[in-house]
Amino acid sequence: MTGLHCSDCIYSTFIFNEKMQKYQATCSRGYTLADPRVHSDPERFFSARIDGLVPVTDPYDKEYLRTSNVCDRFQSPSNFVPPERPKKHFWES
């Protein structure tokens, strides 16, 4: 997963914050994305570069010990396979 960032994942959303003049992000999988080089709140949740935000807290609010720039649940849009639709019951047409 070299070179990948949360900004490449289908579960992340990035916006440009006009007040801070930096990017901030959310992860729909529950990870908290922040700049690991900044240690003060709220500044650590913003980054001048979109790829500067990485997972720092997991969905259970525990510190996420990273071994790469993305989490284990990373999903690239090019590799995404939508879930199969549930089969209809015989009484439904």
N, C-alpha and C. Protein backbone atom coordinates (compact mmCIF):
# COMPACT_ATOMS: atom_id res chain seq x y z
N MET A 1 0.81 -1.19 0.00
CA MET A 1 0.00 0.00 0.00
C MET A 1 0.86 1.26 0.00
N THR A 2 2.00 1.17 -0.57
CA THR A 2 2.91 2.31 -0.62
C THR A 2 2.31 3.41 -1.47
N GLY A 3 2.39 4.64 -0.99
CA GLY A 3 1.92 5.78 -1.75
C GLY A 3 0.44 6.07 -1.63
N LEU A 4 -0.31 5.23 -0.94
CA LEU A 4 -1.73 5.46 -0.78
C LEU A 4 -1.98 6.36 0.43
N HIS A 5 -3.07 7.11 0.36
CA HIS A 5 -3.45 8.00 1.45
C HIS A 5 -4.95 7.90 1.67
N CYS A 6 -5.41 8.37 2.79
CA CYS A 6 -6.85 8.36 3.07
C CYS A 6 -7.63 9.12 2.00
N SER A 7 -6.99 10.09 1.38
CA SER A 7 -7.67 10.85 0.32
C SER A 7 -7.98 9.97 -0.89
N ASP A 8 -7.36 8.80 -1.00
CA ASP A 8 -7.60 7.86 -2.10
C ASP A 8 -8.69 6.85 -1.76
N CYS A 9 -9.24 6.90 -0.57
CA CYS A 9 -10.19 5.89 -0.09
C CYS A 9 -11.64 6.37 -0.29
N ILE A 10 -12.52 5.43 -0.62
CA ILE A 10 -13.92 5.79 -0.84
C ILE A 10 -14.64 6.15 0.46
N TYR A 11 -14.09 5.81 1.61
CA TYR A 11 -14.74 6.07 2.89
C TYR A 11 -14.36 7.42 3.49
N SER A 12 -13.48 8.17 2.85
CA SER A 12 -13.07 9.47 3.40
C SER A 12 -13.71 10.61 2.63
N THR A 13 -13.91 11.71 3.35
CA THR A 13 -14.46 12.93 2.77
C THR A 13 -13.59 14.08 3.23
N PHE A 14 -13.16 14.90 2.29
CA PHE A 14 -12.29 16.03 2.60
C PHE A 14 -12.99 17.32 2.20
N ILE A 15 -12.84 18.34 3.04
CA ILE A 15 -13.35 19.66 2.71
C ILE A 15 -12.26 20.69 3.01
N PHE A 16 -12.36 21.84 2.37
CA PHE A 16 -11.43 22.92 2.64
C PHE A 16 -12.10 23.87 3.61
N ASN A 17 -11.50 24.07 4.77
CA ASN A 17 -12.04 24.94 5.80
C ASN A 17 -11.55 26.36 5.53
N GLU A 18 -12.48 27.26 5.20
CA GLU A 18 -12.13 28.63 4.84
C GLU A 18 -11.51 29.38 6.02
N LYS A 19 -12.02 29.14 7.22
CA LYS A 19 -11.52 29.85 8.40
C LYS A 19 -10.06 29.49 8.70
N MET A 20 -9.74 28.20 8.66
CA MET A 20 -8.37 27.75 8.95
C MET A 20 -7.47 27.79 7.71
N GLN A 21 -8.08 27.88 6.53
CA GLN A 21 -7.35 27.84 5.26
C GLN A 21 -6.57 26.54 5.11
N LYS A 22 -7.19 25.46 5.58
CA LYS A 22 -6.59 24.12 5.49
C LYS A 22 -7.68 23.10 5.26
N TYR A 23 -7.26 21.87 4.95
CA TYR A 23 -8.19 20.77 4.74
C TYR A 23 -8.50 20.06 6.05
N GLN A 24 -9.72 19.55 6.14
CA GLN A 24 -10.08 18.66 7.24
C GLN A 24 -10.83 17.48 6.63
N ALA A 25 -10.88 16.37 7.38
CA ALA A 25 -11.42 15.15 6.78
C ALA A 25 -12.23 14.35 7.78
N THR A 26 -13.10 13.52 7.23
CA THR A 26 -13.84 12.55 8.04
C THR A 26 -13.72 11.19 7.37
N CYS A 27 -13.87 10.16 8.17
CA CYS A 27 -13.83 8.78 7.67
C CYS A 27 -15.13 8.12 8.09
N SER A 28 -15.89 7.60 7.13
CA SER A 28 -17.16 6.98 7.46
C SER A 28 -17.01 5.62 8.14
N ARG A 29 -15.79 5.11 8.21
CA ARG A 29 -15.52 3.85 8.94
C ARG A 29 -15.28 4.10 10.42
N GLY A 30 -15.20 5.37 10.83
CA GLY A 30 -15.07 5.69 12.24
C GLY A 30 -13.68 6.10 12.70
N TYR A 31 -12.72 6.12 11.82
CA TYR A 31 -11.37 6.54 12.19
C TYR A 31 -11.31 8.06 12.30
N THR A 32 -10.52 8.57 13.23
CA THR A 32 -10.28 9.99 13.35
C THR A 32 -9.03 10.31 12.53
N LEU A 33 -9.17 11.23 11.59
CA LEU A 33 -8.06 11.60 10.72
C LEU A 33 -7.44 12.90 11.22
N ALA A 34 -6.13 12.90 11.36
CA ALA A 34 -5.43 14.07 11.86
C ALA A 34 -4.01 14.09 11.33
N ASP A 35 -3.34 15.21 11.55
CA ASP A 35 -1.94 15.35 11.17
C ASP A 35 -1.10 14.83 12.34
N PRO A 36 -0.35 13.75 12.17
CA PRO A 36 0.41 13.17 13.28
C PRO A 36 1.57 14.03 13.76
N ARG A 37 1.94 15.04 13.00
CA ARG A 37 3.05 15.91 13.40
C ARG A 37 2.60 17.09 14.27
N VAL A 38 1.28 17.30 14.38
CA VAL A 38 0.73 18.40 15.19
C VAL A 38 0.09 17.78 16.42
N HIS A 39 0.37 18.33 17.60
CA HIS A 39 -0.11 17.71 18.84
C HIS A 39 -1.09 18.57 19.62
N SER A 40 -1.57 19.67 19.06
CA SER A 40 -2.51 20.52 19.78
C SER A 40 -3.86 20.53 19.06
N ASP A 41 -4.92 20.50 19.86
CA ASP A 41 -6.28 20.56 19.31
C ASP A 41 -6.68 22.02 19.16
N PRO A 42 -7.42 22.41 18.20
CA PRO A 42 -7.95 21.65 17.08
C PRO A 42 -7.03 21.63 15.86
N GLU A 43 -5.85 22.24 15.97
CA GLU A 43 -4.96 22.37 14.82
C GLU A 43 -4.57 21.03 14.21
N ARG A 44 -4.52 19.97 15.01
CA ARG A 44 -4.08 18.68 14.47
C ARG A 44 -5.09 18.06 13.51
N PHE A 45 -6.34 18.54 13.51
CA PHE A 45 -7.37 18.00 12.62
C PHE A 45 -7.40 18.71 11.27
N PHE A 46 -6.42 19.58 11.02
CA PHE A 46 -6.33 20.32 9.77
C PHE A 46 -4.95 20.13 9.17
N SER A 47 -4.88 20.20 7.85
CA SER A 47 -3.60 20.05 7.17
C SER A 47 -3.60 20.90 5.90
N ALA A 48 -2.45 21.48 5.59
CA ALA A 48 -2.32 22.27 4.37
C ALA A 48 -2.40 21.38 3.12
N ARG A 49 -2.04 20.12 3.27
CA ARG A 49 -2.08 19.17 2.16
C ARG A 49 -3.16 18.12 2.43
N ILE A 50 -3.83 17.71 1.41
CA ILE A 50 -4.90 16.72 1.56
C ILE A 50 -4.36 15.36 1.99
N ASP A 51 -3.12 15.05 1.64
CA ASP A 51 -2.55 13.75 2.02
C ASP A 51 -1.84 13.80 3.38
N GLY A 52 -1.94 14.92 4.09
CA GLY A 52 -1.30 15.03 5.39
C GLY A 52 -2.13 14.49 6.54
N LEU A 53 -3.37 14.12 6.27
CA LEU A 53 -4.27 13.60 7.31
C LEU A 53 -4.31 12.08 7.25
N VAL A 54 -4.02 11.45 8.38
CA VAL A 54 -3.95 9.99 8.46
C VAL A 54 -4.74 9.51 9.68
N PRO A 55 -5.08 8.22 9.77
CA PRO A 55 -5.81 7.72 10.93
C PRO A 55 -4.95 7.81 12.19
N VAL A 56 -5.51 8.41 13.25
CA VAL A 56 -4.80 8.48 14.53
C VAL A 56 -5.59 7.82 15.65
N THR A 57 -6.90 7.68 15.47
CA THR A 57 -7.76 7.04 16.45
C THR A 57 -8.68 6.07 15.73
N ASP A 58 -8.83 4.86 16.27
CA ASP A 58 -9.67 3.85 15.63
C ASP A 58 -11.15 4.07 15.99
N PRO A 59 -12.06 3.29 15.40
CA PRO A 59 -13.49 3.47 15.69
C PRO A 59 -13.87 3.26 17.15
N TYR A 60 -13.02 2.62 17.94
CA TYR A 60 -13.30 2.37 19.36
C TYR A 60 -12.64 3.41 20.25
N ASP A 61 -12.19 4.52 19.64
CA ASP A 61 -11.57 5.65 20.33
C ASP A 61 -10.26 5.28 21.01
N LYS A 62 -9.57 4.31 20.46
CA LYS A 62 -8.24 3.92 20.94
C LYS A 62 -7.20 4.45 19.95
N GLU A 63 -6.00 4.69 20.44
CA GLU A 63 -4.94 5.16 19.55
C GLU A 63 -4.71 4.14 18.44
N TYR A 64 -4.67 4.61 17.22
CA TYR A 64 -4.43 3.73 16.07
C TYR A 64 -2.94 3.72 15.79
N LEU A 65 -2.30 2.59 15.99
CA LEU A 65 -0.87 2.45 15.76
C LEU A 65 -0.65 2.10 14.29
N ARG A 66 -0.25 3.09 13.54
CA ARG A 66 -0.13 2.95 12.09
C ARG A 66 1.15 2.24 11.68
N THR A 67 1.02 1.44 10.65
CA THR A 67 2.18 0.86 9.99
C THR A 67 2.26 1.38 8.55
N SER A 68 1.23 2.13 8.13
CA SER A 68 1.20 2.77 6.81
C SER A 68 0.33 4.01 6.90
N ASN A 69 0.17 4.71 5.79
CA ASN A 69 -0.64 5.94 5.76
C ASN A 69 -2.13 5.68 5.72
N VAL A 70 -2.54 4.43 5.56
CA VAL A 70 -3.96 4.08 5.48
C VAL A 70 -4.27 2.96 6.47
N CYS A 71 -5.54 2.81 6.78
CA CYS A 71 -5.95 1.76 7.72
C CYS A 71 -6.14 0.43 6.98
N ASP A 72 -6.43 -0.60 7.73
CA ASP A 72 -6.63 -1.93 7.15
C ASP A 72 -7.91 -2.02 6.33
N ARG A 73 -8.82 -1.08 6.51
CA ARG A 73 -10.10 -1.11 5.80
C ARG A 73 -10.10 -0.23 4.56
N PHE A 74 -8.93 0.20 4.12
CA PHE A 74 -8.80 1.05 2.94
C PHE A 74 -9.47 0.40 1.73
N GLN A 75 -10.22 1.21 0.98
CA GLN A 75 -10.89 0.70 -0.22
C GLN A 75 -10.72 1.73 -1.34
N SER A 76 -10.00 1.35 -2.37
CA SER A 76 -9.80 2.21 -3.53
C SER A 76 -11.05 2.22 -4.39
N PRO A 77 -11.43 3.36 -4.96
CA PRO A 77 -12.61 3.39 -5.84
C PRO A 77 -12.47 2.46 -7.04
N SER A 78 -11.26 2.27 -7.54
CA SER A 78 -11.08 1.40 -8.71
C SER A 78 -11.24 -0.08 -8.36
N ASN A 79 -11.08 -0.45 -7.09
CA ASN A 79 -11.21 -1.85 -6.68
C ASN A 79 -12.54 -2.14 -6.00
N PHE A 80 -13.41 -1.15 -5.91
CA PHE A 80 -14.67 -1.32 -5.19
C PHE A 80 -15.65 -2.16 -5.99
N VAL A 81 -16.19 -3.17 -5.35
CA VAL A 81 -17.22 -4.02 -5.94
C VAL A 81 -18.47 -3.82 -5.10
N PRO A 82 -19.54 -3.25 -5.68
CA PRO A 82 -20.74 -3.01 -4.87
C PRO A 82 -21.32 -4.32 -4.36
N PRO A 83 -21.92 -4.28 -3.17
CA PRO A 83 -22.52 -5.51 -2.63
C PRO A 83 -23.65 -6.00 -3.52
N GLU A 84 -23.84 -7.29 -3.52
CA GLU A 84 -24.88 -7.90 -4.33
C GLU A 84 -26.24 -7.55 -3.74
N ARG A 85 -27.19 -7.26 -4.61
CA ARG A 85 -28.54 -6.95 -4.15
C ARG A 85 -29.17 -8.20 -3.55
N PRO A 86 -29.93 -8.01 -2.48
CA PRO A 86 -30.58 -9.19 -1.90
C PRO A 86 -31.61 -9.77 -2.88
N LYS A 87 -31.71 -11.07 -2.85
CA LYS A 87 -32.67 -11.73 -3.73
C LYS A 87 -34.08 -11.47 -3.22
N LYS A 88 -34.99 -11.31 -4.16
CA LYS A 88 -36.38 -11.07 -3.80
C LYS A 88 -37.04 -12.36 -3.36
N HIS A 89 -38.02 -12.22 -2.52
CA HIS A 89 -38.81 -13.39 -2.11
C HIS A 89 -39.69 -13.83 -3.25
N PHE A 90 -40.11 -15.04 -3.26
CA PHE A 90 -40.89 -15.58 -4.36
C PHE A 90 -42.21 -14.84 -4.53
N TRP A 91 -42.74 -14.20 -3.47
CA TRP A 91 -44.01 -13.50 -3.59
C TRP A 91 -43.83 -12.08 -4.13
N GLU A 92 -42.61 -11.63 -4.24
CA GLU A 92 -42.35 -10.31 -4.81
C GLU A 92 -42.03 -10.45 -6.29
N SER A 93 -42.52 -9.52 -7.11
CA SER A 93 -42.22 -9.61 -8.53
C SER A 93 -41.06 -8.76 -8.92
